[in-house]
Amino acid sequence: MHDQRASWVLFLLPLGLLVAMVLLKLEAPLHYKSLVREDGLVENLQFLLFFGAGIVAILAGRRLVATGLKLHCGLYWLLGIGLLVVAMDEISWGQRLFGIATPERVAAVNLQNELTVHNLEPLMIYLHVAYLCVGAYGSFAWLLNAIWPPAEQSLRRFVIADWYLASYFAVLLLVYGLIELAQWVQPSLLGQRLVIGEFIVFRDQEPAELMLALAMAIFVLINYYRANALARQGATAA
């Protein structure tokens, strides 16, 4: 019963945060802009969550070594490295913190003139598509495990987030979907045209990415405990 309540709290948390962000944007737009600005609170929280998730993912991979699940282990080490790269990219690899100038060759292809991978012009075309795919995967992949429950050591237990994390990915999917609609389709919604620069702006992606960072942190932490439990079972059996 307790676990079920905790699951529902986790599920509802991002929905509550989304409502809070929308209300803040409507009622106190200057405070909202301050939160989502470059190097603001939201972006710094993303860094901390992605960085922490990266460390935990690597530790989970280390625990998976003891289980003999080599594929699981390798995927978690790769996930950990990927999350650390994402974390460092969020703070431009410390560029502004240490006052590092952007090399001319990087500045020529970086849309924000900074030391980041995700703002490189060749990658920006695919970035929003990647976020939409991640959002869709996290929102709906859990249905596979619900219909076809995985075994304890199944890879699906370690690569598909549980149902209570679907809401975090759904917020990511919703926000990036609205941004894409406002940028390319510009439909009418409740008598108002949905366009970038009015109610919806590109910085709205920051709260959505915070939900992703929070989801990944919870996801890898849960799977760290799962890996630890499997490693202990293996040690006991031996």
C-alpha atoms as a PDB file:
ATOM      1  CA  MET A   1       0.000   0.000   0.000  1.00  0.00           C
ATOM      2  CA  HIS A   2       2.835   2.344   0.915  1.00  0.00           C
ATOM      3  CA  ASP A   3       4.648   1.593  -2.349  1.00  0.00           C
ATOM      4  CA  GLN A   4       1.465   2.277  -4.299  1.00  0.00           C
ATOM      5  CA  ARG A   5       1.027   5.674  -2.617  1.00  0.00           C
ATOM      6  CA  ALA A   6       4.666   6.557  -3.308  1.00  0.00           C
ATOM      7  CA  SER A   7       4.209   5.558  -6.945  1.00  0.00           C
ATOM      8  CA  TRP A   8       1.210   7.858  -7.300  1.00  0.00           C
ATOM      9  CA  VAL A   9       3.090  10.715  -5.625  1.00  0.00           C
ATOM     10  CA  LEU A  10       5.918  10.262  -8.136  1.00  0.00           C
ATOM     11  CA  PHE A  11       3.420  10.096 -11.005  1.00  0.00           C
ATOM     12  CA  LEU A  12       1.577  13.287  -9.982  1.00  0.00           C
ATOM     13  CA  LEU A  13       4.678  15.324  -9.083  1.00  0.00           C
ATOM     14  CA  PRO A  14       5.592  16.490 -12.628  1.00  0.00           C
ATOM     15  CA  LEU A  15       1.958  17.304 -13.397  1.00  0.00           C
ATOM     16  CA  GLY A  16       1.843  19.544 -10.325  1.00  0.00           C
ATOM     17  CA  LEU A  17       5.137  21.169 -11.296  1.00  0.00           C
ATOM     18  CA  LEU A  18       3.825  21.753 -14.834  1.00  0.00           C
ATOM     19  CA  VAL A  19       0.713  23.495 -13.497  1.00  0.00           C
ATOM     20  CA  ALA A  20       2.883  25.580 -11.132  1.00  0.00           C
ATOM     21  CA  MET A  21       5.154  26.639 -14.004  1.00  0.00           C
ATOM     22  CA  VAL A  22       2.209  27.622 -16.224  1.00  0.00           C
ATOM     23  CA  LEU A  23       0.640  29.651 -13.396  1.00  0.00           C
ATOM     24  CA  LEU A  24       3.974  31.323 -12.659  1.00  0.00           C
ATOM     25  CA  LYS A  25       4.375  32.187 -16.323  1.00  0.00           C
ATOM     26  CA  LEU A  26       0.888  33.718 -16.413  1.00  0.00           C
ATOM     27  CA  GLU A  27       0.936  35.533 -13.077  1.00  0.00           C
ATOM     28  CA  ALA A  28       4.608  36.410 -12.617  1.00  0.00           C
ATOM     29  CA  PRO A  29       6.316  36.268 -16.025  1.00  0.00           C
ATOM     30  CA  LEU A  30       9.473  38.050 -14.830  1.00  0.00           C
ATOM     31  CA  HIS A  31      10.021  35.454 -12.097  1.00  0.00           C
ATOM     32  CA  TYR A  32       9.400  32.705 -14.632  1.00  0.00           C
ATOM     33  CA  LYS A  33      11.963  34.187 -17.029  1.00  0.00           C
ATOM     34  CA  SER A  34      14.457  34.399 -14.178  1.00  0.00           C
ATOM     35  CA  LEU A  35      13.985  30.693 -13.403  1.00  0.00           C
ATOM     36  CA  VAL A  36      14.400  29.466 -16.992  1.00  0.00           C
ATOM     37  CA  ARG A  37      17.168  31.843 -18.092  1.00  0.00           C
ATOM     38  CA  GLU A  38      20.649  30.672 -19.081  1.00  0.00           C
ATOM     39  CA  ASP A  39      22.496  29.545 -15.928  1.00  0.00           C
ATOM     40  CA  GLY A  40      19.267  29.994 -13.956  1.00  0.00           C
ATOM     41  CA  LEU A  41      17.901  27.733 -11.226  1.00  0.00           C
ATOM     42  CA  VAL A  42      16.159  25.325 -13.611  1.00  0.00           C
ATOM     43  CA  GLU A  43      19.264  24.803 -15.755  1.00  0.00           C
ATOM     44  CA  ASN A  44      21.500  24.321 -12.725  1.00  0.00           C
ATOM     45  CA  LEU A  45      19.092  21.750 -11.289  1.00  0.00           C
ATOM     46  CA  GLN A  46      19.238  19.919 -14.612  1.00  0.00           C
ATOM     47  CA  PHE A  47      23.024  19.773 -14.325  1.00  0.00           C
ATOM     48  CA  LEU A  48      22.901  18.390 -10.777  1.00  0.00           C
ATOM     49  CA  LEU A  49      20.270  15.775 -11.623  1.00  0.00           C
ATOM     50  CA  PHE A  50      21.898  14.606 -14.863  1.00  0.00           C
ATOM     51  CA  PHE A  51      25.333  14.511 -13.231  1.00  0.00           C
ATOM     52  CA  GLY A  52      24.046  12.589 -10.209  1.00  0.00           C
ATOM     53  CA  ALA A  53      22.135  10.218 -12.487  1.00  0.00           C
ATOM     54  CA  GLY A  54      25.294   9.600 -14.514  1.00  0.00           C
ATOM     55  CA  ILE A  55      27.278   8.644 -11.407  1.00  0.00           C
ATOM     56  CA  VAL A  56      24.502   6.354 -10.145  1.00  0.00           C
ATOM     57  CA  ALA A  57      24.160   4.700 -13.578  1.00  0.00           C
ATOM     58  CA  ILE A  58      27.889   3.898 -13.591  1.00  0.00           C
ATOM     59  CA  LEU A  59      27.610   2.496 -10.057  1.00  0.00           C
ATOM     60  CA  ALA A  60      24.625   0.392 -11.175  1.00  0.00           C
ATOM     61  CA  GLY A  61      26.732  -0.921 -14.042  1.00  0.00           C
ATOM     62  CA  ARG A  62      29.446  -1.810 -11.542  1.00  0.00           C
ATOM     63  CA  ARG A  63      26.952  -3.769  -9.434  1.00  0.00           C
ATOM     64  CA  LEU A  64      25.669  -5.523 -12.567  1.00  0.00           C
ATOM     65  CA  VAL A  65      29.173  -6.913 -13.156  1.00  0.00           C
ATOM     66  CA  ALA A  66      28.599  -9.238 -10.197  1.00  0.00           C
ATOM     67  CA  THR A  67      25.398 -10.584 -11.774  1.00  0.00           C
ATOM     68  CA  GLY A  68      27.079 -11.694 -14.992  1.00  0.00           C
ATOM     69  CA  LEU A  69      24.602  -9.637 -17.020  1.00  0.00           C
ATOM     70  CA  LYS A  70      27.203  -8.214 -19.395  1.00  0.00           C
ATOM     71  CA  LEU A  71      24.757  -6.479 -21.748  1.00  0.00           C
ATOM     72  CA  HIS A  72      22.977  -4.770 -18.850  1.00  0.00           C
ATOM     73  CA  CYS A  73      26.329  -3.719 -17.412  1.00  0.00           C
ATOM     74  CA  GLY A  74      27.625  -2.298 -20.704  1.00  0.00           C
ATOM     75  CA  LEU A  75      24.411  -0.389 -21.381  1.00  0.00           C
ATOM     76  CA  TYR A  76      24.481   1.196 -17.932  1.00  0.00           C
ATOM     77  CA  TRP A  77      28.090   2.276 -18.281  1.00  0.00           C
ATOM     78  CA  LEU A  78      27.197   3.853 -21.634  1.00  0.00           C
ATOM     79  CA  LEU A  79      24.118   5.466 -20.088  1.00  0.00           C
ATOM     80  CA  GLY A  80      26.213   6.846 -17.247  1.00  0.00           C
ATOM     81  CA  ILE A  81      28.778   8.354 -19.613  1.00  0.00           C
ATOM     82  CA  GLY A  82      25.990   9.793 -21.767  1.00  0.00           C
ATOM     83  CA  LEU A  83      24.280  11.404 -18.771  1.00  0.00           C
ATOM     84  CA  LEU A  84      27.566  12.939 -17.603  1.00  0.00           C
ATOM     85  CA  VAL A  85      28.096  14.414 -21.088  1.00  0.00           C
ATOM     86  CA  VAL A  86      24.557  15.838 -21.042  1.00  0.00           C
ATOM     87  CA  ALA A  87      25.172  17.294 -17.572  1.00  0.00           C
ATOM     88  CA  MET A  88      28.419  18.991 -18.576  1.00  0.00           C
ATOM     89  CA  ASP A  89      26.822  20.266 -21.767  1.00  0.00           C
ATOM     90  CA  GLU A  90      24.121  21.966 -19.680  1.00  0.00           C
ATOM     91  CA  ILE A  91      26.774  24.175 -18.079  1.00  0.00           C
ATOM     92  CA  SER A  92      28.806  24.541 -21.298  1.00  0.00           C
ATOM     93  CA  TRP A  93      31.574  22.410 -19.768  1.00  0.00           C
ATOM     94  CA  GLY A  94      32.220  25.140 -17.198  1.00  0.00           C
ATOM     95  CA  GLN A  95      32.908  27.737 -19.883  1.00  0.00           C
ATOM     96  CA  ARG A  96      31.143  30.655 -18.201  1.00  0.00           C
ATOM     97  CA  LEU A  97      32.258  29.544 -14.745  1.00  0.00           C
ATOM     98  CA  PHE A  98      35.937  29.612 -15.702  1.00  0.00           C
ATOM     99  CA  GLY A  99      35.712  32.378 -18.314  1.00  0.00           C
ATOM    100  CA  ILE A 100      36.832  30.191 -21.236  1.00  0.00           C
ATOM    101  CA  ALA A 101      36.526  31.784 -24.676  1.00  0.00           C
ATOM    102  CA  THR A 102      34.813  29.848 -27.471  1.00  0.00           C
ATOM    103  CA  PRO A 103      37.312  28.785 -30.157  1.00  0.00           C
ATOM    104  CA  GLU A 104      36.588  30.343 -33.547  1.00  0.00           C
ATOM    105  CA  ARG A 105      36.027  26.982 -35.236  1.00  0.00           C
ATOM    106  CA  VAL A 106      33.420  26.025 -32.629  1.00  0.00           C
ATOM    107  CA  ALA A 107      31.767  29.464 -32.673  1.00  0.00           C
ATOM    108  CA  ALA A 108      31.338  29.191 -36.435  1.00  0.00           C
ATOM    109  CA  VAL A 109      29.081  26.129 -36.106  1.00  0.00           C
ATOM    110  CA  ASN A 110      27.568  26.704 -32.641  1.00  0.00           C
ATOM    111  CA  LEU A 111      24.274  28.579 -32.671  1.00  0.00           C
ATOM    112  CA  GLN A 112      24.855  30.020 -29.187  1.00  0.00           C
ATOM    113  CA  ASN A 113      28.577  30.700 -29.560  1.00  0.00           C
ATOM    114  CA  GLU A 114      29.498  28.427 -26.653  1.00  0.00           C
ATOM    115  CA  LEU A 115      31.231  25.144 -25.823  1.00  0.00           C
ATOM    116  CA  THR A 116      28.215  22.855 -26.134  1.00  0.00           C
ATOM    117  CA  VAL A 117      27.503  19.801 -28.234  1.00  0.00           C
ATOM    118  CA  HIS A 118      23.720  20.168 -28.396  1.00  0.00           C
ATOM    119  CA  ASN A 119      23.905  23.657 -29.922  1.00  0.00           C
ATOM    120  CA  LEU A 120      26.108  22.609 -32.840  1.00  0.00           C
ATOM    121  CA  GLU A 121      24.295  23.506 -36.048  1.00  0.00           C
ATOM    122  CA  PRO A 122      24.490  20.009 -37.637  1.00  0.00           C
ATOM    123  CA  LEU A 123      22.913  18.464 -34.498  1.00  0.00           C
ATOM    124  CA  MET A 124      20.239  21.085 -33.794  1.00  0.00           C
ATOM    125  CA  ILE A 125      18.142  19.752 -36.687  1.00  0.00           C
ATOM    126  CA  TYR A 126      17.748  16.440 -34.871  1.00  0.00           C
ATOM    127  CA  LEU A 127      17.694  17.640 -31.255  1.00  0.00           C
ATOM    128  CA  HIS A 128      13.957  18.327 -30.964  1.00  0.00           C
ATOM    129  CA  VAL A 129      13.171  15.087 -32.791  1.00  0.00           C
ATOM    130  CA  ALA A 130      15.360  13.238 -30.274  1.00  0.00           C
ATOM    131  CA  TYR A 131      13.506  14.833 -27.340  1.00  0.00           C
ATOM    132  CA  LEU A 132      10.154  13.923 -28.906  1.00  0.00           C
ATOM    133  CA  CYS A 133      11.299  10.304 -29.372  1.00  0.00           C
ATOM    134  CA  VAL A 134      12.586  10.069 -25.791  1.00  0.00           C
ATOM    135  CA  GLY A 135       9.331  11.600 -24.538  1.00  0.00           C
ATOM    136  CA  ALA A 136       7.218   9.135 -26.517  1.00  0.00           C
ATOM    137  CA  TYR A 137       9.358   6.155 -25.432  1.00  0.00           C
ATOM    138  CA  GLY A 138       9.182   7.049 -21.749  1.00  0.00           C
ATOM    139  CA  SER A 139       5.467   7.819 -21.955  1.00  0.00           C
ATOM    140  CA  PHE A 140       4.357   4.563 -23.561  1.00  0.00           C
ATOM    141  CA  ALA A 141       7.064   1.866 -23.357  1.00  0.00           C
ATOM    142  CA  TRP A 142       5.914   0.852 -19.856  1.00  0.00           C
ATOM    143  CA  LEU A 143       2.785  -0.611 -21.473  1.00  0.00           C
ATOM    144  CA  LEU A 144       4.947  -3.432 -22.859  1.00  0.00           C
ATOM    145  CA  ASN A 145       6.010  -4.442 -19.351  1.00  0.00           C
ATOM    146  CA  ALA A 146       2.442  -4.082 -18.096  1.00  0.00           C
ATOM    147  CA  ILE A 147       1.140  -6.439 -20.784  1.00  0.00           C
ATOM    148  CA  TRP A 148       4.140  -8.791 -20.735  1.00  0.00           C
ATOM    149  CA  PRO A 149       5.756  -8.614 -17.255  1.00  0.00           C
ATOM    150  CA  PRO A 150       9.545  -9.085 -17.442  1.00  0.00           C
ATOM    151  CA  ALA A 151      11.576 -11.524 -15.348  1.00  0.00           C
ATOM    152  CA  GLU A 152      13.804 -10.148 -12.572  1.00  0.00           C
ATOM    153  CA  GLN A 153      16.933 -10.264 -14.733  1.00  0.00           C
ATOM    154  CA  SER A 154      15.215  -9.182 -17.953  1.00  0.00           C
ATOM    155  CA  LEU A 155      16.842  -6.318 -19.820  1.00  0.00           C
ATOM    156  CA  ARG A 156      13.413  -4.715 -20.130  1.00  0.00           C
ATOM    157  CA  ARG A 157      13.351  -4.084 -16.369  1.00  0.00           C
ATOM    158  CA  PHE A 158      16.480  -1.975 -16.766  1.00  0.00           C
ATOM    159  CA  VAL A 159      15.723  -0.045 -19.954  1.00  0.00           C
ATOM    160  CA  ILE A 160      11.994   0.708 -19.622  1.00  0.00           C
ATOM    161  CA  ALA A 161      10.837   3.162 -16.964  1.00  0.00           C
ATOM    162  CA  ASP A 162       7.955   2.134 -14.710  1.00  0.00           C
ATOM    163  CA  TRP A 163       4.463   3.594 -15.235  1.00  0.00           C
ATOM    164  CA  TYR A 164       4.826   6.222 -12.507  1.00  0.00           C
ATOM    165  CA  LEU A 165       7.647   7.888 -14.460  1.00  0.00           C
ATOM    166  CA  ALA A 166       5.570   8.126 -17.650  1.00  0.00           C
ATOM    167  CA  SER A 167       4.197  11.527 -16.593  1.00  0.00           C
ATOM    168  CA  TYR A 168       7.700  13.070 -16.586  1.00  0.00           C
ATOM    169  CA  PHE A 169       8.269  11.939 -20.165  1.00  0.00           C
ATOM    170  CA  ALA A 170       4.724  13.011 -21.109  1.00  0.00           C
ATOM    171  CA  VAL A 171       5.516  16.590 -20.002  1.00  0.00           C
ATOM    172  CA  LEU A 172       8.644  16.505 -22.176  1.00  0.00           C
ATOM    173  CA  LEU A 173       6.616  15.195 -25.121  1.00  0.00           C
ATOM    174  CA  LEU A 174       3.857  17.779 -24.597  1.00  0.00           C
ATOM    175  CA  VAL A 175       6.139  20.807 -24.326  1.00  0.00           C
ATOM    176  CA  TYR A 176       8.361  19.878 -27.263  1.00  0.00           C
ATOM    177  CA  GLY A 177       5.281  18.953 -29.277  1.00  0.00           C
ATOM    178  CA  LEU A 178       3.771  22.398 -28.629  1.00  0.00           C
ATOM    179  CA  ILE A 179       7.059  24.105 -29.500  1.00  0.00           C
ATOM    180  CA  GLU A 180       7.235  22.226 -32.802  1.00  0.00           C
ATOM    181  CA  LEU A 181       3.591  23.051 -33.582  1.00  0.00           C
ATOM    182  CA  ALA A 182       4.154  26.723 -32.756  1.00  0.00           C
ATOM    183  CA  GLN A 183       7.301  26.841 -34.865  1.00  0.00           C
ATOM    184  CA  TRP A 184       6.155  25.003 -37.979  1.00  0.00           C
ATOM    185  CA  VAL A 185       2.356  24.609 -38.039  1.00  0.00           C
ATOM    186  CA  GLN A 186       1.097  27.618 -36.034  1.00  0.00           C
ATOM    187  CA  PRO A 187      -2.455  26.314 -35.515  1.00  0.00           C
ATOM    188  CA  SER A 188      -5.311  28.241 -33.907  1.00  0.00           C
ATOM    189  CA  LEU A 189      -6.037  27.220 -30.318  1.00  0.00           C
ATOM    190  CA  LEU A 190      -9.023  28.672 -28.441  1.00  0.00           C
ATOM    191  CA  GLY A 191      -9.181  31.496 -30.954  1.00  0.00           C
ATOM    192  CA  GLN A 192      -5.486  32.323 -30.563  1.00  0.00           C
ATOM    193  CA  ARG A 193      -2.729  31.487 -33.013  1.00  0.00           C
ATOM    194  CA  LEU A 194      -0.040  29.271 -31.545  1.00  0.00           C
ATOM    195  CA  VAL A 195       3.272  30.894 -32.506  1.00  0.00           C
ATOM    196  CA  ILE A 196       6.754  31.104 -31.030  1.00  0.00           C
ATOM    197  CA  GLY A 197       7.404  34.382 -29.236  1.00  0.00           C
ATOM    198  CA  GLU A 198       3.989  34.973 -27.696  1.00  0.00           C
ATOM    199  CA  PHE A 199       2.904  32.614 -24.903  1.00  0.00           C
ATOM    200  CA  ILE A 200       5.229  29.831 -26.048  1.00  0.00           C
ATOM    201  CA  VAL A 201       8.964  30.565 -26.243  1.00  0.00           C
ATOM    202  CA  PHE A 202      11.992  28.353 -26.751  1.00  0.00           C
ATOM    203  CA  ARG A 203      13.039  28.730 -23.088  1.00  0.00           C
ATOM    204  CA  ASP A 204       9.896  26.749 -22.153  1.00  0.00           C
ATOM    205  CA  GLN A 205      11.957  23.684 -22.992  1.00  0.00           C
ATOM    206  CA  GLU A 206      13.952  24.171 -19.776  1.00  0.00           C
ATOM    207  CA  PRO A 207      11.205  23.025 -17.333  1.00  0.00           C
ATOM    208  CA  ALA A 208      10.477  20.087 -19.671  1.00  0.00           C
ATOM    209  CA  GLU A 209      14.145  19.100 -19.670  1.00  0.00           C
ATOM    210  CA  LEU A 210      14.130  19.407 -15.881  1.00  0.00           C
ATOM    211  CA  MET A 211      11.355  16.794 -15.822  1.00  0.00           C
ATOM    212  CA  LEU A 212      13.537  14.551 -17.997  1.00  0.00           C
ATOM    213  CA  ALA A 213      16.512  15.042 -15.672  1.00  0.00           C
ATOM    214  CA  LEU A 214      14.356  14.219 -12.643  1.00  0.00           C
ATOM    215  CA  ALA A 215      12.927  11.134 -14.378  1.00  0.00           C
ATOM    216  CA  MET A 216      16.406   9.861 -15.282  1.00  0.00           C
ATOM    217  CA  ALA A 217      17.656  10.417 -11.737  1.00  0.00           C
ATOM    218  CA  ILE A 218      14.758   8.415 -10.264  1.00  0.00           C
ATOM    219  CA  PHE A 219      15.021   5.766 -12.999  1.00  0.00           C
ATOM    220  CA  VAL A 220      18.715   4.993 -12.497  1.00  0.00           C
ATOM    221  CA  LEU A 221      18.398   5.118  -8.697  1.00  0.00           C
ATOM    222  CA  ILE A 222      15.625   2.499  -8.790  1.00  0.00           C
ATOM    223  CA  ASN A 223      17.690   0.338 -11.108  1.00  0.00           C
ATOM    224  CA  TYR A 224      20.755   0.731  -8.917  1.00  0.00           C
ATOM    225  CA  TYR A 225      18.780  -0.900  -6.094  1.00  0.00           C
ATOM    226  CA  ARG A 226      17.544  -3.587  -8.491  1.00  0.00           C
ATOM    227  CA  ALA A 227      21.121  -4.294  -9.606  1.00  0.00           C
ATOM    228  CA  ASN A 228      22.248  -4.378  -5.982  1.00  0.00           C
ATOM    229  CA  ALA A 229      19.495  -6.865  -5.109  1.00  0.00           C
ATOM    230  CA  LEU A 230      20.476  -9.133  -8.028  1.00  0.00           C
ATOM    231  CA  ALA A 231      24.152  -8.960  -7.055  1.00  0.00           C
ATOM    232  CA  ARG A 232      23.309  -9.950  -3.468  1.00  0.00           C
ATOM    233  CA  GLN A 233      21.146 -12.838  -4.681  1.00  0.00           C
ATOM    234  CA  GLY A 234      24.035 -14.057  -6.799  1.00  0.00           C
ATOM    235  CA  ALA A 235      26.450 -13.804  -3.865  1.00  0.00           C
ATOM    236  CA  THR A 236      24.043 -15.723  -1.602  1.00  0.00           C
ATOM    237  CA  ALA A 237      23.523 -18.438  -4.219  1.00  0.00           C
ATOM    238  CA  ALA A 238      27.281 -18.803  -4.619  1.00  0.00           C
END
